[in-house]
C-alpha atoms as a PDB file:
ATOM      1  CA  MET A   1      -8.606  16.910  -7.625  1.00  0.00           C
ATOM      2  CA  ASP A   2      -6.294  19.688  -8.140  1.00  0.00           C
ATOM      3  CA  TYR A   3      -8.396  22.269  -9.537  1.00  0.00           C
ATOM      4  CA  LEU A   4      -6.035  25.618  -9.403  1.00  0.00           C
ATOM      5  CA  GLY A   5      -2.988  23.241 -10.716  1.00  0.00           C
ATOM      6  CA  LEU A   6      -5.301  21.806 -13.629  1.00  0.00           C
ATOM      7  CA  SER A   7      -6.525  25.487 -14.430  1.00  0.00           C
ATOM      8  CA  ILE A   8      -3.424  26.773 -14.831  1.00  0.00           C
ATOM      9  CA  LEU A   9      -1.979  24.156 -17.234  1.00  0.00           C
ATOM     10  CA  ILE A  10      -5.571  25.141 -18.627  1.00  0.00           C
ATOM     11  CA  ILE A  11      -4.464  28.729 -19.025  1.00  0.00           C
ATOM     12  CA  LEU A  12      -0.859  28.200 -19.985  1.00  0.00           C
ATOM     13  CA  ALA A  13      -1.692  26.039 -22.529  1.00  0.00           C
ATOM     14  CA  LEU A  14      -4.111  29.215 -24.326  1.00  0.00           C
ATOM     15  CA  ILE A  15      -1.864  31.737 -23.976  1.00  0.00           C
ATOM     16  CA  PHE A  16       1.170  30.524 -25.617  1.00  0.00           C
ATOM     17  CA  GLY A  17      -1.311  28.596 -28.184  1.00  0.00           C
ATOM     18  CA  PHE A  18      -2.542  32.231 -28.599  1.00  0.00           C
ATOM     19  CA  LEU A  19       1.263  33.823 -28.866  1.00  0.00           C
ATOM     20  CA  THR A  20       1.266  31.153 -31.295  1.00  0.00           C
ATOM     21  CA  TYR A  21      -1.328  31.923 -33.729  1.00  0.00           C
ATOM     22  CA  ARG A  22      -0.388  35.522 -33.248  1.00  0.00           C
ATOM     23  CA  ALA A  23       3.265  34.316 -34.330  1.00  0.00           C
ATOM     24  CA  ALA A  24       1.994  32.667 -37.357  1.00  0.00           C
ATOM     25  CA  ARG A  25       0.247  35.742 -38.833  1.00  0.00           C
ATOM     26  CA  ALA A  26       3.026  37.915 -38.379  1.00  0.00           C
ATOM     27  CA  ARG A  27       4.559  39.634 -41.830  1.00  0.00           C
ATOM     28  CA  ARG A  28       8.242  39.379 -40.689  1.00  0.00           C
ATOM     29  CA  LEU A  29       9.534  35.564 -41.149  1.00  0.00           C
ATOM     30  CA  TRP A  30      11.927  35.948 -37.978  1.00  0.00           C
ATOM     31  CA  VAL A  31       8.719  36.719 -35.925  1.00  0.00           C
ATOM     32  CA  ARG A  32       7.328  34.259 -36.947  1.00  0.00           C
ATOM     33  CA  LEU A  33      10.126  31.812 -36.169  1.00  0.00           C
ATOM     34  CA  VAL A  34      11.882  32.839 -32.985  1.00  0.00           C
ATOM     35  CA  GLY A  35       8.197  33.966 -31.413  1.00  0.00           C
ATOM     36  CA  GLY A  36       6.244  30.669 -33.205  1.00  0.00           C
ATOM     37  CA  ILE A  37       8.592  28.115 -32.702  1.00  0.00           C
ATOM     38  CA  PRO A  38       9.185  28.420 -28.973  1.00  0.00           C
ATOM     39  CA  ALA A  39       5.513  28.865 -28.421  1.00  0.00           C
ATOM     40  CA  GLY A  40       4.166  26.928 -30.006  1.00  0.00           C
ATOM     41  CA  LEU A  41       6.489  23.979 -28.407  1.00  0.00           C
ATOM     42  CA  LEU A  42       5.319  25.285 -25.574  1.00  0.00           C
ATOM     43  CA  THR A  43       1.768  25.196 -26.395  1.00  0.00           C
ATOM     44  CA  LEU A  44       2.107  21.810 -26.932  1.00  0.00           C
ATOM     45  CA  LEU A  45       4.019  20.678 -23.703  1.00  0.00           C
ATOM     46  CA  PHE A  46       1.220  22.473 -21.850  1.00  0.00           C
ATOM     47  CA  SER A  47      -1.558  20.827 -23.738  1.00  0.00           C
ATOM     48  CA  ALA A  48       0.294  17.664 -23.500  1.00  0.00           C
ATOM     49  CA  ALA A  49       0.774  18.090 -19.519  1.00  0.00           C
ATOM     50  CA  THR A  50      -3.257  19.179 -19.009  1.00  0.00           C
ATOM     51  CA  ILE A  51      -4.846  15.930 -21.569  1.00  0.00           C
ATOM     52  CA  LEU A  52      -1.716  13.510 -19.077  1.00  0.00           C
ATOM     53  CA  ALA A  53      -3.400  15.385 -15.723  1.00  0.00           C
ATOM     54  CA  PHE A  54      -7.130  14.350 -16.677  1.00  0.00           C
ATOM     55  CA  VAL A  55      -5.868  10.703 -17.812  1.00  0.00           C
ATOM     56  CA  GLY A  56      -4.148  10.086 -14.402  1.00  0.00           C
ATOM     57  CA  TYR A  57      -7.059  12.069 -12.445  1.00  0.00           C
ATOM     58  CA  SER A  58      -9.223   9.120 -14.111  1.00  0.00           C
ATOM     59  CA  LYS A  59      -7.355   6.236 -12.932  1.00  0.00           C
ATOM     60  CA  ILE A  60      -7.173   8.231  -9.231  1.00  0.00           C
ATOM     61  CA  ASN A  61     -11.022   9.007  -9.318  1.00  0.00           C
ATOM     62  CA  ALA A  62     -12.299   5.841 -10.634  1.00  0.00           C
ATOM     63  CA  VAL A  63     -14.720   4.116  -8.298  1.00  0.00           C
ATOM     64  CA  ARG A  64     -14.441   0.530  -8.456  1.00  0.00           C
ATOM     65  CA  PRO A  65     -17.735  -1.809  -8.411  1.00  0.00           C
ATOM     66  CA  ASN A  66     -16.670  -4.078  -4.964  1.00  0.00           C
ATOM     67  CA  PRO A  67     -19.836  -3.426  -2.524  1.00  0.00           C
ATOM     68  CA  PRO A  68     -18.600  -3.391   1.173  1.00  0.00           C
ATOM     69  CA  SER A  69     -18.278  -6.425   2.871  1.00  0.00           C
ATOM     70  CA  GLN A  70     -21.352  -8.604   4.592  1.00  0.00           C
ATOM     71  CA  LEU A  71     -19.328  -9.580   7.665  1.00  0.00           C
ATOM     72  CA  ARG A  72     -19.855  -7.735  10.491  1.00  0.00           C
ATOM     73  CA  LEU A  73     -18.569  -8.070  14.417  1.00  0.00           C
ATOM     74  CA  PRO A  74     -20.726 -10.139  17.169  1.00  0.00           C
ATOM     75  CA  ASP A  75     -22.784  -7.676  19.543  1.00  0.00           C
ATOM     76  CA  GLN A  76     -20.268  -8.972  22.090  1.00  0.00           C
ATOM     77  CA  ILE A  77     -16.339  -8.647  21.467  1.00  0.00           C
ATOM     78  CA  THR A  78     -14.779 -10.503  23.522  1.00  0.00           C
ATOM     79  CA  PRO A  79     -10.960  -9.402  24.915  1.00  0.00           C
ATOM     80  CA  GLN A  80      -9.807 -13.198  22.978  1.00  0.00           C
ATOM     81  CA  LEU A  81     -11.229 -11.546  19.993  1.00  0.00           C
ATOM     82  CA  ILE A  82      -9.466  -7.960  20.440  1.00  0.00           C
ATOM     83  CA  ALA A  83      -6.231 -10.460  21.243  1.00  0.00           C
ATOM     84  CA  ASP A  84      -6.028 -11.972  18.143  1.00  0.00           C
ATOM     85  CA  GLY A  85      -6.994  -8.925  16.054  1.00  0.00           C
ATOM     86  CA  GLU A  86      -3.552  -7.539  17.432  1.00  0.00           C
ATOM     87  CA  ARG A  87      -1.381 -10.210  15.879  1.00  0.00           C
ATOM     88  CA  PHE A  88      -2.487  -8.819  12.566  1.00  0.00           C
ATOM     89  CA  ALA A  89      -2.430  -5.297  13.521  1.00  0.00           C
ATOM     90  CA  ARG A  90       0.944  -4.997  14.516  1.00  0.00           C
ATOM     91  CA  SER A  91       2.241  -5.250  10.664  1.00  0.00           C
ATOM     92  CA  CYS A  92      -0.084  -2.025  10.805  1.00  0.00           C
ATOM     93  CA  ALA A  93       2.054  -0.011  12.129  1.00  0.00           C
ATOM     94  CA  GLY A  94       4.816   0.266   9.968  1.00  0.00           C
ATOM     95  CA  CYS A  95       2.525   2.561   7.060  1.00  0.00           C
ATOM     96  CA  HIS A  96      -0.266   3.844   9.674  1.00  0.00           C
ATOM     97  CA  SER A  97       1.443   5.089  12.755  1.00  0.00           C
ATOM     98  CA  SER A  98       3.629   8.263  13.116  1.00  0.00           C
ATOM     99  CA  GLY A  99       5.774   6.624  15.717  1.00  0.00           C
ATOM    100  CA  GLY A 100       5.937   3.178  13.678  1.00  0.00           C
ATOM    101  CA  GLN A 101       4.398   1.207  16.300  1.00  0.00           C
ATOM    102  CA  PRO A 102       0.482   1.569  17.814  1.00  0.00           C
ATOM    103  CA  ALA A 103      -0.681   4.181  18.637  1.00  0.00           C
ATOM    104  CA  LEU A 104      -2.430   3.661  14.355  1.00  0.00           C
ATOM    105  CA  ASP A 105      -2.724   7.568  14.346  1.00  0.00           C
ATOM    106  CA  GLY A 106      -1.787   7.713  10.478  1.00  0.00           C
ATOM    107  CA  HIS A 107       1.041   8.239   8.310  1.00  0.00           C
ATOM    108  CA  ASP A 108       1.494  11.142   5.555  1.00  0.00           C
ATOM    109  CA  PHE A 109       3.259   9.429   2.580  1.00  0.00           C
ATOM    110  CA  LEU A 110       4.554  12.431   1.111  1.00  0.00           C
ATOM    111  CA  ALA A 111       5.721  14.307   4.256  1.00  0.00           C
ATOM    112  CA  GLU A 112       9.236  13.300   3.857  1.00  0.00           C
ATOM    113  CA  ASP A 113      12.179  15.135   3.366  1.00  0.00           C
ATOM    114  CA  GLY A 114      13.393  15.532   0.194  1.00  0.00           C
ATOM    115  CA  ALA A 115      10.061  14.323  -1.343  1.00  0.00           C
ATOM    116  CA  LEU A 116       8.651  15.765  -4.587  1.00  0.00           C
ATOM    117  CA  PRO A 117       5.415  18.244  -3.713  1.00  0.00           C
ATOM    118  CA  MET A 118       3.013  15.564  -4.882  1.00  0.00           C
ATOM    119  CA  GLY A 119      -0.439  16.670  -2.615  1.00  0.00           C
ATOM    120  CA  THR A 120      -1.154  14.673   0.581  1.00  0.00           C
ATOM    121  CA  LEU A 121      -1.805  11.278   0.934  1.00  0.00           C
ATOM    122  CA  TRP A 122      -1.951   9.469   3.952  1.00  0.00           C
ATOM    123  CA  ALA A 123      -1.762   6.270   5.376  1.00  0.00           C
ATOM    124  CA  PRO A 124      -5.074   6.812   7.350  1.00  0.00           C
ATOM    125  CA  ASN A 125      -6.111   7.222  11.150  1.00  0.00           C
ATOM    126  CA  LEU A 126      -6.621   3.181  12.031  1.00  0.00           C
ATOM    127  CA  THR A 127      -8.280   4.796  15.285  1.00  0.00           C
ATOM    128  CA  PRO A 128     -11.713   5.373  16.223  1.00  0.00           C
ATOM    129  CA  ALA A 129     -11.185   8.952  15.729  1.00  0.00           C
ATOM    130  CA  HIS A 130     -10.950   8.258  12.029  1.00  0.00           C
ATOM    131  CA  LEU A 131     -12.952   4.935  11.542  1.00  0.00           C
ATOM    132  CA  GLY A 132     -15.999   5.537  14.045  1.00  0.00           C
ATOM    133  CA  GLU A 133     -18.166   6.344  11.096  1.00  0.00           C
ATOM    134  CA  TRP A 134     -17.197   3.732   9.042  1.00  0.00           C
ATOM    135  CA  THR A 135     -18.995   0.141   8.926  1.00  0.00           C
ATOM    136  CA  ASP A 136     -17.258  -3.114   9.583  1.00  0.00           C
ATOM    137  CA  GLY A 137     -17.513  -4.349   5.935  1.00  0.00           C
ATOM    138  CA  GLU A 138     -16.228  -0.935   4.868  1.00  0.00           C
ATOM    139  CA  ILE A 139     -13.305  -1.628   6.481  1.00  0.00           C
ATOM    140  CA  ILE A 140     -13.026  -5.126   5.294  1.00  0.00           C
ATOM    141  CA  ARG A 141     -13.467  -4.079   2.348  1.00  0.00           C
ATOM    142  CA  ALA A 142     -10.810  -1.518   2.270  1.00  0.00           C
ATOM    143  CA  ILE A 143      -8.234  -4.373   4.144  1.00  0.00           C
ATOM    144  CA  ARG A 144      -9.102  -7.145   1.631  1.00  0.00           C
ATOM    145  CA  GLU A 145     -10.115  -5.295  -1.658  1.00  0.00           C
ATOM    146  CA  GLY A 146      -8.135  -2.405  -1.383  1.00  0.00           C
ATOM    147  CA  VAL A 147     -11.195   0.041  -1.823  1.00  0.00           C
ATOM    148  CA  GLY A 148     -12.044   3.040   0.470  1.00  0.00           C
ATOM    149  CA  ARG A 149     -14.854   3.844   2.078  1.00  0.00           C
ATOM    150  CA  ASP A 150     -15.785   5.988  -1.050  1.00  0.00           C
ATOM    151  CA  GLY A 151     -15.407   3.406  -3.632  1.00  0.00           C
ATOM    152  CA  ARG A 152     -11.647   4.392  -4.830  1.00  0.00           C
ATOM    153  CA  SER A 153      -8.841   2.620  -4.805  1.00  0.00           C
ATOM    154  CA  LEU A 154      -6.657   3.201  -2.102  1.00  0.00           C
ATOM    155  CA  VAL A 155      -3.022   3.538  -2.689  1.00  0.00           C
ATOM    156  CA  ILE A 156      -0.141   1.579  -1.430  1.00  0.00           C
ATOM    157  CA  MET A 157      -2.386  -0.968   0.896  1.00  0.00           C
ATOM    158  CA  PRO A 158      -0.893  -4.555   0.319  1.00  0.00           C
ATOM    159  CA  SER A 159      -4.382  -5.737  -0.519  1.00  0.00           C
ATOM    160  CA  ALA A 160      -3.253  -8.239  -2.110  1.00  0.00           C
ATOM    161  CA  GLY A 161      -2.028 -10.354   0.462  1.00  0.00           C
ATOM    162  CA  PHE A 162      -4.268  -9.580   3.379  1.00  0.00           C
ATOM    163  CA  ARG A 163      -7.164 -10.354   1.072  1.00  0.00           C
ATOM    164  CA  ASN A 164      -6.178 -13.820   1.993  1.00  0.00           C
ATOM    165  CA  LEU A 165      -7.130 -13.163   5.689  1.00  0.00           C
ATOM    166  CA  SER A 166      -9.966 -15.647   6.841  1.00  0.00           C
ATOM    167  CA  ASP A 167     -13.525 -13.944   7.490  1.00  0.00           C
ATOM    168  CA  GLU A 168     -12.999 -15.220  11.056  1.00  0.00           C
ATOM    169  CA  ASP A 169      -9.098 -12.871  11.572  1.00  0.00           C
ATOM    170  CA  VAL A 170     -10.439 -10.062   9.549  1.00  0.00           C
ATOM    171  CA  LEU A 171     -13.250  -9.422  11.818  1.00  0.00           C
ATOM    172  CA  ALA A 172     -10.759  -9.616  14.794  1.00  0.00           C
ATOM    173  CA  LEU A 173      -8.859  -7.059  13.409  1.00  0.00           C
ATOM    174  CA  VAL A 174     -11.149  -5.122  13.126  1.00  0.00           C
ATOM    175  CA  ALA A 175     -12.444  -5.929  16.417  1.00  0.00           C
ATOM    176  CA  TYR A 176      -9.075  -4.492  17.657  1.00  0.00           C
ATOM    177  CA  LEU A 177      -9.170  -1.032  15.523  1.00  0.00           C
ATOM    178  CA  ARG A 178     -12.656  -0.834  17.645  1.00  0.00           C
ATOM    179  CA  ALA A 179     -11.040  -0.913  21.026  1.00  0.00           C
ATOM    180  CA  GLN A 180      -8.230   1.342  20.448  1.00  0.00           C
ATOM    181  CA  PRO A 181      -8.393   4.151  22.018  1.00  0.00           C
ATOM    182  CA  ALA A 182      -9.126   7.092  19.584  1.00  0.00           C
ATOM    183  CA  VAL A 183      -6.669   9.542  18.590  1.00  0.00           C
ATOM    184  CA  GLU A 184      -6.984  12.797  17.303  1.00  0.00           C
ATOM    185  CA  PRO A 185      -6.788  14.266  14.147  1.00  0.00           C
ATOM    186  CA  ALA A 186      -8.854  11.868  11.541  1.00  0.00           C
ATOM    187  CA  SER A 187      -7.025  11.353   8.396  1.00  0.00           C
ATOM    188  CA  PRO A 188      -7.185  14.476   6.006  1.00  0.00           C
ATOM    189  CA  PRO A 189      -8.650  13.567   3.076  1.00  0.00           C
ATOM    190  CA  ARG A 190      -6.262  12.758  -0.762  1.00  0.00           C
ATOM    191  CA  GLN A 191      -5.510  15.698  -2.298  1.00  0.00           C
ATOM    192  CA  LEU A 192      -2.824  14.925  -5.380  1.00  0.00           C
ATOM    193  CA  ASN A 193      -2.107  17.578  -6.910  1.00  0.00           C
ATOM    194  CA  VAL A 194      -1.170  17.706 -11.350  1.00  0.00           C
ATOM    195  CA  LEU A 195       2.167  16.666 -11.004  1.00  0.00           C
ATOM    196  CA  THR A 196       0.766  13.348  -8.880  1.00  0.00           C
ATOM    197  CA  ALA A 197      -1.624  13.025 -11.599  1.00  0.00           C
ATOM    198  CA  ILE A 198       1.237  12.983 -14.825  1.00  0.00           C
ATOM    199  CA  LEU A 199       2.464  10.769 -12.925  1.00  0.00           C
ATOM    200  CA  PHE A 200       0.239   8.102 -12.530  1.00  0.00           C
ATOM    201  CA  ALA A 201      -0.435   8.451 -15.961  1.00  0.00           C
ATOM    202  CA  THR A 202       2.815   7.929 -17.143  1.00  0.00           C
ATOM    203  CA  ILE A 203       5.839   6.030 -15.250  1.00  0.00           C
ATOM    204  CA  LEU A 204       4.330   5.343 -11.598  1.00  0.00           C
ATOM    205  CA  PRO A 205       3.165   1.289 -12.058  1.00  0.00           C
ATOM    206  CA  PRO A 206      -0.257   0.512 -11.841  1.00  0.00           C
ATOM    207  CA  GLU A 207       0.461  -1.934  -8.841  1.00  0.00           C
ATOM    208  CA  LEU A 208       0.293   1.106  -6.846  1.00  0.00           C
ATOM    209  CA  PHE A 209      -3.219   1.079  -6.877  1.00  0.00           C
ATOM    210  CA  SER A 210      -4.668  -1.134  -4.096  1.00  0.00           C
ATOM    211  CA  ALA A 211      -7.946  -2.571  -5.526  1.00  0.00           C
ATOM    212  CA  GLN A 212      -8.150  -5.812  -6.027  1.00  0.00           C
ATOM    213  CA  GLU A 213     -11.588  -8.288  -7.549  1.00  0.00           C
ATOM    214  CA  PRO A 214     -14.026  -8.462  -5.277  1.00  0.00           C
ATOM    215  CA  ILE A 215     -14.261 -11.050  -2.606  1.00  0.00           C
ATOM    216  CA  THR A 216     -17.849 -13.226  -3.289  1.00  0.00           C
ATOM    217  CA  ALA A 217     -16.574 -16.733  -1.379  1.00  0.00           C
ATOM    218  CA  PRO A 218     -16.657 -16.854   2.362  1.00  0.00           C
ATOM    219  CA  VAL A 219     -12.576 -17.097   3.313  1.00  0.00           C
ATOM    220  CA  SER A 220     -11.234 -19.778   5.651  1.00  0.00           C
ATOM    221  CA  ALA A 221      -7.796 -20.288   7.363  1.00  0.00           C
ATOM    222  CA  PRO A 222      -6.236 -23.854   8.625  1.00  0.00           C
ATOM    223  CA  PRO A 223      -6.729 -24.869  12.298  1.00  0.00           C
ATOM    224  CA  ARG A 224      -4.130 -23.039  14.019  1.00  0.00           C
ATOM    225  CA  GLY A 225      -1.185 -24.748  15.205  1.00  0.00           C
ATOM    226  CA  PRO A 226       2.482 -25.097  13.876  1.00  0.00           C
ATOM    227  CA  THR A 227       1.492 -26.949  11.240  1.00  0.00           C
ATOM    228  CA  ALA A 228       3.007 -26.389   7.621  1.00  0.00           C
ATOM    229  CA  ALA A 229      -0.549 -25.355   6.549  1.00  0.00           C
ATOM    230  CA  TYR A 230      -1.185 -23.086   8.930  1.00  0.00           C
ATOM    231  CA  GLY A 231       2.175 -21.729   8.110  1.00  0.00           C
ATOM    232  CA  GLY A 232       1.298 -21.368   4.165  1.00  0.00           C
ATOM    233  CA  TYR A 233      -1.505 -18.982   5.606  1.00  0.00           C
ATOM    234  CA  LEU A 234       0.334 -16.645   7.439  1.00  0.00           C
ATOM    235  CA  VAL A 235       3.352 -16.953   4.888  1.00  0.00           C
ATOM    236  CA  SER A 236       0.312 -15.958   2.289  1.00  0.00           C
ATOM    237  CA  LEU A 237      -0.770 -12.623   3.603  1.00  0.00           C
ATOM    238  CA  GLY A 238       2.709 -10.672   2.424  1.00  0.00           C
ATOM    239  CA  CYS A 239       5.710 -12.172   2.365  1.00  0.00           C
ATOM    240  CA  ALA A 240       5.398 -12.126  -1.695  1.00  0.00           C
ATOM    241  CA  ASP A 241       5.429  -8.348  -1.935  1.00  0.00           C
ATOM    242  CA  CYS A 242       9.450  -8.468  -0.432  1.00  0.00           C
ATOM    243  CA  HIS A 243      10.664 -11.615  -1.354  1.00  0.00           C
ATOM    244  CA  GLY A 244       9.191 -12.976  -4.623  1.00  0.00           C
ATOM    245  CA  SER A 245       5.877 -14.234  -5.736  1.00  0.00           C
ATOM    246  CA  ASN A 246       7.877 -17.953  -5.846  1.00  0.00           C
ATOM    247  CA  LEU A 247       9.221 -16.888  -2.470  1.00  0.00           C
ATOM    248  CA  ALA A 248      12.668 -17.120  -4.035  1.00  0.00           C
ATOM    249  CA  GLY A 249      13.867 -13.549  -3.467  1.00  0.00           C
ATOM    250  CA  VAL A 250      13.665 -10.250  -5.131  1.00  0.00           C
ATOM    251  CA  PRO A 251      17.101  -8.667  -6.713  1.00  0.00           C
ATOM    252  CA  PRO A 252      17.978  -5.174  -5.719  1.00  0.00           C
ATOM    253  CA  GLY A 253      17.022  -2.492  -7.948  1.00  0.00           C
ATOM    254  CA  GLY A 254      13.709  -1.247  -9.086  1.00  0.00           C
ATOM    255  CA  ASP A 255      10.631   0.052  -8.131  1.00  0.00           C
ATOM    256  CA  GLY A 256       8.156  -1.210  -5.302  1.00  0.00           C
ATOM    257  CA  PRO A 257       8.969  -2.966  -1.838  1.00  0.00           C
ATOM    258  CA  PRO A 258      12.246  -3.864  -0.894  1.00  0.00           C
ATOM    259  CA  PRO A 259      13.607  -6.777  -1.625  1.00  0.00           C
ATOM    260  CA  GLY A 260      14.153  -9.409   0.352  1.00  0.00           C
ATOM    261  CA  PRO A 261      15.888 -12.797   0.231  1.00  0.00           C
ATOM    262  CA  ASN A 262      15.364 -16.503  -1.084  1.00  0.00           C
ATOM    263  CA  LEU A 263      13.092 -18.044   2.022  1.00  0.00           C
ATOM    264  CA  THR A 264      12.883 -21.353  -0.106  1.00  0.00           C
ATOM    265  CA  THR A 265      16.397 -21.898   0.981  1.00  0.00           C
ATOM    266  CA  MET A 266      16.052 -20.227   4.864  1.00  0.00           C
ATOM    267  CA  PRO A 267      15.595 -23.785   6.716  1.00  0.00           C
ATOM    268  CA  GLN A 268      18.814 -25.148   5.833  1.00  0.00           C
ATOM    269  CA  ARG A 269      20.313 -22.072   6.830  1.00  0.00           C
ATOM    270  CA  LEU A 270      18.361 -21.933   9.833  1.00  0.00           C
ATOM    271  CA  SER A 271      16.864 -24.280  12.892  1.00  0.00           C
ATOM    272  CA  ALA A 272      13.057 -23.806  13.736  1.00  0.00           C
ATOM    273  CA  ASP A 273      14.432 -22.478  17.260  1.00  0.00           C
ATOM    274  CA  GLU A 274      17.053 -20.016  15.307  1.00  0.00           C
ATOM    275  CA  LEU A 275      14.203 -18.443  13.307  1.00  0.00           C
ATOM    276  CA  VAL A 276      11.998 -17.886  16.254  1.00  0.00           C
ATOM    277  CA  THR A 277      15.055 -16.442  18.092  1.00  0.00           C
ATOM    278  CA  LEU A 278      15.515 -14.289  14.838  1.00  0.00           C
ATOM    279  CA  LEU A 279      12.185 -13.240  14.751  1.00  0.00           C
ATOM    280  CA  ARG A 280      12.151 -12.121  18.307  1.00  0.00           C
ATOM    281  CA  THR A 281      15.122 -10.412  18.326  1.00  0.00           C
ATOM    282  CA  GLY A 282      15.978  -9.390  14.564  1.00  0.00           C
ATOM    283  CA  VAL A 283      19.538 -11.003  15.525  1.00  0.00           C
ATOM    284  CA  TYR A 284      21.180 -13.857  13.620  1.00  0.00           C
ATOM    285  CA  PRO A 285      22.912 -16.593  15.263  1.00  0.00           C
ATOM    286  CA  ASP A 286      26.249 -15.417  14.184  1.00  0.00           C
ATOM    287  CA  GLY A 287      25.444 -11.938  15.825  1.00  0.00           C
ATOM    288  CA  HIS A 288      24.442 -10.014  12.452  1.00  0.00           C
ATOM    289  CA  ALA A 289      21.241  -7.859  12.486  1.00  0.00           C
ATOM    290  CA  LEU A 290      18.446  -8.048   9.930  1.00  0.00           C
ATOM    291  CA  GLY A 291      18.221  -5.425   7.500  1.00  0.00           C
ATOM    292  CA  GLU A 292      15.853  -2.118   8.375  1.00  0.00           C
ATOM    293  CA  ASP A 293      13.746  -3.310   5.762  1.00  0.00           C
ATOM    294  CA  MET A 294      12.870  -6.334   7.435  1.00  0.00           C
ATOM    295  CA  PRO A 295       9.715  -5.501   9.278  1.00  0.00           C
ATOM    296  CA  TRP A 296      10.570  -8.192  12.197  1.00  0.00           C
ATOM    297  CA  ARG A 297       8.833  -6.548  15.158  1.00  0.00           C
ATOM    298  CA  ASP A 298       5.273  -6.958  13.021  1.00  0.00           C
ATOM    299  CA  PHE A 299       5.512 -10.781  14.266  1.00  0.00           C
ATOM    300  CA  GLU A 300       5.786  -9.486  18.002  1.00  0.00           C
ATOM    301  CA  LYS A 301       2.019 -10.813  18.825  1.00  0.00           C
ATOM    302  CA  LEU A 302       2.111 -14.169  16.797  1.00  0.00           C
ATOM    303  CA  SER A 303       2.824 -16.868  19.499  1.00  0.00           C
ATOM    304  CA  ASP A 304       6.051 -19.174  19.024  1.00  0.00           C
ATOM    305  CA  ASP A 305       3.882 -21.959  17.588  1.00  0.00           C
ATOM    306  CA  ASP A 306       2.718 -19.381  14.913  1.00  0.00           C
ATOM    307  CA  LEU A 307       6.646 -18.245  14.044  1.00  0.00           C
ATOM    308  CA  ARG A 308       7.099 -22.510  13.907  1.00  0.00           C
ATOM    309  CA  ALA A 309       4.299 -23.064  11.559  1.00  0.00           C
ATOM    310  CA  ILE A 310       6.186 -20.354   9.099  1.00  0.00           C
ATOM    311  CA  TYR A 311       8.875 -22.409   8.963  1.00  0.00           C
ATOM    312  CA  ALA A 312       7.375 -25.702   8.625  1.00  0.00           C
ATOM    313  CA  TYR A 313       5.901 -23.958   5.988  1.00  0.00           C
ATOM    314  CA  LEU A 314       9.363 -23.054   4.622  1.00  0.00           C
ATOM    315  CA  ALA A 315      10.948 -26.598   5.314  1.00  0.00           C
ATOM    316  CA  SER A 316       8.035 -27.836   3.331  1.00  0.00           C
ATOM    317  CA  LEU A 317       9.206 -25.603  -0.247  1.00  0.00           C
ATOM    318  CA  GLU A 318      11.481 -27.159  -2.705  1.00  0.00           C
ATOM    319  CA  PRO A 319      14.679 -24.869  -2.445  1.00  0.00           C
ATOM    320  CA  LEU A 320      15.068 -22.844  -5.181  1.00  0.00           C
ATOM    321  CA  PRO A 321      17.510 -20.670  -6.577  1.00  0.00           C
ATOM    322  CA  ASP A 322      17.569 -17.395  -5.669  1.00  0.00           C
ATOM    323  CA  ASN A 323      15.264 -15.084  -8.193  1.00  0.00           C
ATOM    324  CA  GLN A 324      17.199 -12.784 -10.213  1.00  0.00           C
END
């Protein structure tokens, strides 16, 4: 919590409240009008800002009821388990790497040039330098339920899709994260200033908070193979964020993830081999490249059969008109 910022808002509200009171008691009408009206408006402004900041912090700091997962890594972690986890870890690099690819050393979302002064909000370092003291269950809760070690909701963490990760696959992902070389420094704590708190209380969408309902039952995946069932599982891990809940695309404009095209009609435009090549190279058969917002490199650790499974699932869907 930004105690300095809150203190400044409270002090300004009190100062202008006092000036409003003094102006209201003045004998001359012009003093009451010229001094009282601006002071009164500023009193209301800073009082409202203080209240909104407290409302925003109550949302940011709310403790969620989700307990850590009961899943634990086996005593013997095999190279195959780590390799299985690496298939999914590549998609973490877009947010959790300073260079856009492993190592997953963390990245400050609010550090971009031209960003408003909103504080510090890191996509955390996911190497043992930061996760060394976390339990397996705490890491799994963060991935699948969007709740941090302190019990507060993570922000801008795509847990709505990752909650579909099977128990086997999420443990493999944890094994991969544990096996990385430690990259210092550990991530700094989240520090959001009063401006950010006011924005969370007013215009920022609640979807930025990542907390999901607790997972209380085992989560399984279909057998791995080039099947529509397994492809549906892979697609459920996050494609809807950019391509719409029905995968019929998201039109440009608005807040949130970048808009993606209609995937239900994609099999009408590409063959399975062409989709595999597209996701390996980022280039369509006619030579034009995928847009920069499409994280095709996230698929590099998936096998060709995994990509064919995605195609099989999309081909099983009824083609839909583009979402408008």
